[in-house]
């Protein structure tokens, strides 16, 4: 499967993908999002804000780039890098990744992470990549550690998803140029 940069023309398919990730997860599976089923309903204003971040030039506060994997014409996995909102934080970006169930366990998370790290090293002046992941999502934690991310913080009971307290891990990676 190929990886594509998510563009404005992909916005509706991207929003549908995010809805599927949340709505198709059950509380019996590994919890990877602070949202429960039915909670991802962005307003038109929120959708517009996402599109505006995609259009911001790299190096400006708040820029964002998203990349995705398609299967049968649908976006099924994504990874995004989001710059800080203030100029003094532009040497760092936040990373988020989401895969629909059919892509999990097939190496797609590895593929997306490789792509994003290479892209960040060659297209930006970013020095650090930060992310948050639930401690109970051991597969994701292991993947990030394989790429050199280090746990730098731990917040117990940061969210309660389906009534279950979730411990959030802060992880970071210094990328070299």
C-alpha atoms as a PDB file:
ATOM      1  CA  UNK A   1       0.000   0.000   0.000  1.00  0.00           C
ATOM      2  CA  UNK A   2       1.164   3.487  -0.824  1.00  0.00           C
ATOM      3  CA  UNK A   3       1.230   6.519   1.442  1.00  0.00           C
ATOM      4  CA  UNK A   4      -0.241   9.820   0.245  1.00  0.00           C
ATOM      5  CA  UNK A   5      -0.181  13.328   1.638  1.00  0.00           C
ATOM      6  CA  UNK A   6      -3.703  14.187   2.756  1.00  0.00           C
ATOM      7  CA  UNK A   7      -4.923  17.214   0.804  1.00  0.00           C
ATOM      8  CA  UNK A   8      -8.038  19.378   0.912  1.00  0.00           C
ATOM      9  CA  UNK A   9      -9.695  17.136  -1.672  1.00  0.00           C
ATOM     10  CA  UNK A  10      -9.342  14.278   0.859  1.00  0.00           C
ATOM     11  CA  UNK A  11     -10.968  16.170   3.730  1.00  0.00           C
ATOM     12  CA  UNK A  12     -14.359  14.420   3.692  1.00  0.00           C
ATOM     13  CA  UNK A  13     -12.777  10.958   3.360  1.00  0.00           C
ATOM     14  CA  UNK A  14     -10.367  11.826   6.193  1.00  0.00           C
ATOM     15  CA  UNK A  15     -13.226  12.872   8.502  1.00  0.00           C
ATOM     16  CA  UNK A  16     -15.070   9.638   7.653  1.00  0.00           C
ATOM     17  CA  UNK A  17     -11.926   7.663   8.487  1.00  0.00           C
ATOM     18  CA  UNK A  18     -11.655   9.345  11.901  1.00  0.00           C
ATOM     19  CA  UNK A  19     -15.302   8.567  12.603  1.00  0.00           C
ATOM     20  CA  UNK A  20     -14.774   4.899  11.659  1.00  0.00           C
ATOM     21  CA  UNK A  21     -11.760   4.585  13.952  1.00  0.00           C
ATOM     22  CA  UNK A  22     -13.792   5.765  16.945  1.00  0.00           C
ATOM     23  CA  UNK A  23     -17.150   4.212  16.070  1.00  0.00           C
ATOM     24  CA  UNK A  24     -15.746   0.784  15.193  1.00  0.00           C
ATOM     25  CA  UNK A  25     -13.726   0.472  18.387  1.00  0.00           C
ATOM     26  CA  UNK A  26     -15.349  -1.307  21.258  1.00  0.00           C
ATOM     27  CA  UNK A  27     -14.546  -1.146  24.933  1.00  0.00           C
ATOM     28  CA  UNK A  28     -13.434  -4.799  24.705  1.00  0.00           C
ATOM     29  CA  UNK A  29     -10.456  -3.891  22.491  1.00  0.00           C
ATOM     30  CA  UNK A  30      -7.304  -1.985  23.338  1.00  0.00           C
ATOM     31  CA  UNK A  31      -8.343   1.600  23.990  1.00  0.00           C
ATOM     32  CA  UNK A  32      -6.313   4.038  21.920  1.00  0.00           C
ATOM     33  CA  UNK A  33      -8.458   7.180  21.899  1.00  0.00           C
ATOM     34  CA  UNK A  34      -9.926   9.348  24.632  1.00  0.00           C
ATOM     35  CA  UNK A  35     -13.161   9.491  22.621  1.00  0.00           C
ATOM     36  CA  UNK A  36     -15.877   6.890  22.984  1.00  0.00           C
ATOM     37  CA  UNK A  37     -18.125   5.604  20.220  1.00  0.00           C
ATOM     38  CA  UNK A  38     -20.216   8.393  18.713  1.00  0.00           C
ATOM     39  CA  UNK A  39     -18.138  11.219  20.227  1.00  0.00           C
ATOM     40  CA  UNK A  40     -16.292  12.264  17.077  1.00  0.00           C
ATOM     41  CA  UNK A  41     -18.662  14.723  15.468  1.00  0.00           C
ATOM     42  CA  UNK A  42     -16.613  17.748  14.412  1.00  0.00           C
ATOM     43  CA  UNK A  43     -18.397  20.979  13.637  1.00  0.00           C
ATOM     44  CA  UNK A  44     -17.958  22.687  10.294  1.00  0.00           C
ATOM     45  CA  UNK A  45     -15.717  25.218  12.059  1.00  0.00           C
ATOM     46  CA  UNK A  46     -13.486  22.415  13.410  1.00  0.00           C
ATOM     47  CA  UNK A  47     -13.281  20.796   9.965  1.00  0.00           C
ATOM     48  CA  UNK A  48     -12.294  24.146   8.456  1.00  0.00           C
ATOM     49  CA  UNK A  49      -9.590  24.584  11.116  1.00  0.00           C
ATOM     50  CA  UNK A  50      -8.060  21.232  10.153  1.00  0.00           C
ATOM     51  CA  UNK A  51      -7.987  22.261   6.490  1.00  0.00           C
ATOM     52  CA  UNK A  52      -6.395  25.600   7.394  1.00  0.00           C
ATOM     53  CA  UNK A  53      -3.616  23.831   9.328  1.00  0.00           C
ATOM     54  CA  UNK A  54      -2.928  21.623   6.288  1.00  0.00           C
ATOM     55  CA  UNK A  55      -2.551  24.736   4.137  1.00  0.00           C
ATOM     56  CA  UNK A  56      -0.195  26.627   6.471  1.00  0.00           C
ATOM     57  CA  UNK A  57       3.369  26.830   5.217  1.00  0.00           C
ATOM     58  CA  UNK A  58       5.855  24.677   7.090  1.00  0.00           C
ATOM     59  CA  UNK A  59       7.731  26.830   9.581  1.00  0.00           C
ATOM     60  CA  UNK A  60       4.660  28.827  10.588  1.00  0.00           C
ATOM     61  CA  UNK A  61       3.002  28.247  13.958  1.00  0.00           C
ATOM     62  CA  UNK A  62       0.237  25.651  13.774  1.00  0.00           C
ATOM     63  CA  UNK A  63       1.150  24.015  10.454  1.00  0.00           C
ATOM     64  CA  UNK A  64       0.078  20.408  10.091  1.00  0.00           C
ATOM     65  CA  UNK A  65       0.778  17.676   7.579  1.00  0.00           C
ATOM     66  CA  UNK A  66      -1.171  14.453   7.400  1.00  0.00           C
ATOM     67  CA  UNK A  67      -0.335  11.336   5.418  1.00  0.00           C
ATOM     68  CA  UNK A  68      -2.615   8.389   4.805  1.00  0.00           C
ATOM     69  CA  UNK A  69      -2.947   4.843   3.511  1.00  0.00           C
ATOM     70  CA  UNK A  70      -5.863   3.953   1.267  1.00  0.00           C
ATOM     71  CA  UNK A  71      -7.588   0.663   0.645  1.00  0.00           C
ATOM     72  CA  UNK A  72     -10.471   0.299  -1.823  1.00  0.00           C
ATOM     73  CA  UNK A  73     -10.683   4.088  -2.190  1.00  0.00           C
ATOM     74  CA  UNK A  74     -11.104   4.692   1.545  1.00  0.00           C
ATOM     75  CA  UNK A  75      -8.574   6.221   3.910  1.00  0.00           C
ATOM     76  CA  UNK A  76      -7.832   3.426   6.384  1.00  0.00           C
ATOM     77  CA  UNK A  77      -4.806   4.756   8.280  1.00  0.00           C
ATOM     78  CA  UNK A  78      -3.166   8.112   8.924  1.00  0.00           C
ATOM     79  CA  UNK A  79      -0.274   9.798  10.639  1.00  0.00           C
ATOM     80  CA  UNK A  80       0.028  13.512  11.226  1.00  0.00           C
ATOM     81  CA  UNK A  81       2.604  15.978  12.416  1.00  0.00           C
ATOM     82  CA  UNK A  82       1.331  19.162  14.040  1.00  0.00           C
ATOM     83  CA  UNK A  83       3.530  22.149  14.834  1.00  0.00           C
ATOM     84  CA  UNK A  84       3.181  24.079  18.053  1.00  0.00           C
ATOM     85  CA  UNK A  85       1.008  27.190  17.954  1.00  0.00           C
ATOM     86  CA  UNK A  86       3.783  29.547  19.057  1.00  0.00           C
ATOM     87  CA  UNK A  87       6.989  30.367  17.198  1.00  0.00           C
ATOM     88  CA  UNK A  88       9.194  29.472  20.179  1.00  0.00           C
ATOM     89  CA  UNK A  89       7.978  25.857  19.965  1.00  0.00           C
ATOM     90  CA  UNK A  90       8.493  25.272  16.246  1.00  0.00           C
ATOM     91  CA  UNK A  91      11.471  22.997  16.845  1.00  0.00           C
ATOM     92  CA  UNK A  92       8.962  20.379  18.098  1.00  0.00           C
ATOM     93  CA  UNK A  93       5.900  18.712  16.557  1.00  0.00           C
ATOM     94  CA  UNK A  94       3.188  16.474  17.949  1.00  0.00           C
ATOM     95  CA  UNK A  95       2.555  13.152  16.254  1.00  0.00           C
ATOM     96  CA  UNK A  96      -0.766  11.336  16.052  1.00  0.00           C
ATOM     97  CA  UNK A  97      -1.492   8.073  14.285  1.00  0.00           C
ATOM     98  CA  UNK A  98      -4.629   6.052  13.730  1.00  0.00           C
ATOM     99  CA  UNK A  99      -5.301   2.778  11.967  1.00  0.00           C
ATOM    100  CA  UNK A 100      -8.615   1.139  11.293  1.00  0.00           C
ATOM    101  CA  UNK A 101      -8.854  -2.426  12.615  1.00  0.00           C
ATOM    102  CA  UNK A 102      -8.244  -4.104   9.239  1.00  0.00           C
ATOM    103  CA  UNK A 103      -4.770  -2.528   8.985  1.00  0.00           C
ATOM    104  CA  UNK A 104      -3.591  -3.345  12.493  1.00  0.00           C
ATOM    105  CA  UNK A 105      -1.032  -6.116  12.814  1.00  0.00           C
ATOM    106  CA  UNK A 106       0.001  -5.793   9.150  1.00  0.00           C
ATOM    107  CA  UNK A 107       3.032  -3.515   9.581  1.00  0.00           C
ATOM    108  CA  UNK A 108       1.148  -0.400   8.504  1.00  0.00           C
ATOM    109  CA  UNK A 109       1.958   1.493  11.715  1.00  0.00           C
ATOM    110  CA  UNK A 110       5.648   0.851  11.066  1.00  0.00           C
ATOM    111  CA  UNK A 111       5.276   1.989   7.463  1.00  0.00           C
ATOM    112  CA  UNK A 112       3.494   5.218   8.438  1.00  0.00           C
ATOM    113  CA  UNK A 113       5.996   5.997  11.192  1.00  0.00           C
ATOM    114  CA  UNK A 114       8.972   5.415   8.876  1.00  0.00           C
ATOM    115  CA  UNK A 115       7.359   7.719   6.315  1.00  0.00           C
ATOM    116  CA  UNK A 116       6.629  10.497   8.824  1.00  0.00           C
ATOM    117  CA  UNK A 117      10.118  10.419  10.379  1.00  0.00           C
ATOM    118  CA  UNK A 118      11.794  10.536   6.964  1.00  0.00           C
ATOM    119  CA  UNK A 119       9.485  13.331   5.824  1.00  0.00           C
ATOM    120  CA  UNK A 120      10.141  15.381   8.985  1.00  0.00           C
ATOM    121  CA  UNK A 121      13.905  14.968   8.663  1.00  0.00           C
ATOM    122  CA  UNK A 122      13.968  16.027   5.015  1.00  0.00           C
ATOM    123  CA  UNK A 123      11.235  18.694   4.834  1.00  0.00           C
ATOM    124  CA  UNK A 124      11.348  20.574   8.137  1.00  0.00           C
ATOM    125  CA  UNK A 125      13.674  22.034  10.743  1.00  0.00           C
ATOM    126  CA  UNK A 126      11.987  20.009  13.466  1.00  0.00           C
ATOM    127  CA  UNK A 127      14.309  18.602  16.126  1.00  0.00           C
ATOM    128  CA  UNK A 128      11.838  16.758  18.382  1.00  0.00           C
ATOM    129  CA  UNK A 129       8.708  14.698  17.854  1.00  0.00           C
ATOM    130  CA  UNK A 130       6.333  14.299  20.811  1.00  0.00           C
ATOM    131  CA  UNK A 131       3.331  12.019  21.239  1.00  0.00           C
ATOM    132  CA  UNK A 132       0.881  10.710  23.787  1.00  0.00           C
ATOM    133  CA  UNK A 133      -0.159   7.067  24.012  1.00  0.00           C
ATOM    134  CA  UNK A 134      -2.157   5.101  26.550  1.00  0.00           C
ATOM    135  CA  UNK A 135       0.028   2.848  28.655  1.00  0.00           C
ATOM    136  CA  UNK A 136      -2.413  -0.032  28.071  1.00  0.00           C
ATOM    137  CA  UNK A 137      -1.750   0.157  24.308  1.00  0.00           C
ATOM    138  CA  UNK A 138       1.373  -2.003  24.671  1.00  0.00           C
ATOM    139  CA  UNK A 139       1.698  -2.687  20.932  1.00  0.00           C
ATOM    140  CA  UNK A 140       1.855   1.036  20.125  1.00  0.00           C
ATOM    141  CA  UNK A 141       4.268   1.748  23.002  1.00  0.00           C
ATOM    142  CA  UNK A 142       6.550  -1.037  21.746  1.00  0.00           C
ATOM    143  CA  UNK A 143       6.404   0.335  18.180  1.00  0.00           C
ATOM    144  CA  UNK A 144       7.371   3.832  19.303  1.00  0.00           C
ATOM    145  CA  UNK A 145      10.177   2.488  21.488  1.00  0.00           C
ATOM    146  CA  UNK A 146      11.479   0.476  18.494  1.00  0.00           C
ATOM    147  CA  UNK A 147      11.916   3.793  16.679  1.00  0.00           C
ATOM    148  CA  UNK A 148      13.754   5.344  19.631  1.00  0.00           C
ATOM    149  CA  UNK A 149      10.949   7.237  21.373  1.00  0.00           C
ATOM    150  CA  UNK A 150      11.519   7.534  25.108  1.00  0.00           C
ATOM    151  CA  UNK A 151       8.896   7.787  27.832  1.00  0.00           C
ATOM    152  CA  UNK A 152       9.325  11.174  29.502  1.00  0.00           C
ATOM    153  CA  UNK A 153       6.115  11.405  31.505  1.00  0.00           C
ATOM    154  CA  UNK A 154       3.233   9.409  32.901  1.00  0.00           C
ATOM    155  CA  UNK A 155      -0.165  10.780  33.942  1.00  0.00           C
ATOM    156  CA  UNK A 156      -2.425   8.340  35.764  1.00  0.00           C
ATOM    157  CA  UNK A 157      -6.176   8.632  35.264  1.00  0.00           C
ATOM    158  CA  UNK A 158      -5.743  11.305  32.570  1.00  0.00           C
ATOM    159  CA  UNK A 159      -8.919  10.105  30.821  1.00  0.00           C
ATOM    160  CA  UNK A 160     -11.798   7.810  31.702  1.00  0.00           C
ATOM    161  CA  UNK A 161     -12.869   5.908  28.623  1.00  0.00           C
ATOM    162  CA  UNK A 162     -15.875   3.605  28.966  1.00  0.00           C
ATOM    163  CA  UNK A 163     -15.495   4.251  32.697  1.00  0.00           C
ATOM    164  CA  UNK A 164     -11.950   2.895  32.705  1.00  0.00           C
ATOM    165  CA  UNK A 165      -9.147   5.158  34.010  1.00  0.00           C
ATOM    166  CA  UNK A 166      -6.423   5.555  31.401  1.00  0.00           C
ATOM    167  CA  UNK A 167      -2.772   6.289  32.078  1.00  0.00           C
ATOM    168  CA  UNK A 168      -1.300   8.545  29.412  1.00  0.00           C
ATOM    169  CA  UNK A 169       2.387   8.269  28.509  1.00  0.00           C
ATOM    170  CA  UNK A 170       4.297  11.207  27.057  1.00  0.00           C
ATOM    171  CA  UNK A 171       6.968  10.038  24.628  1.00  0.00           C
ATOM    172  CA  UNK A 172       9.546  11.982  22.663  1.00  0.00           C
ATOM    173  CA  UNK A 173      12.180  11.406  20.004  1.00  0.00           C
ATOM    174  CA  UNK A 174      15.020  13.690  19.005  1.00  0.00           C
ATOM    175  CA  UNK A 175      15.428  13.407  15.269  1.00  0.00           C
ATOM    176  CA  UNK A 176      18.821  14.037  13.751  1.00  0.00           C
ATOM    177  CA  UNK A 177      19.418  15.789  10.494  1.00  0.00           C
END
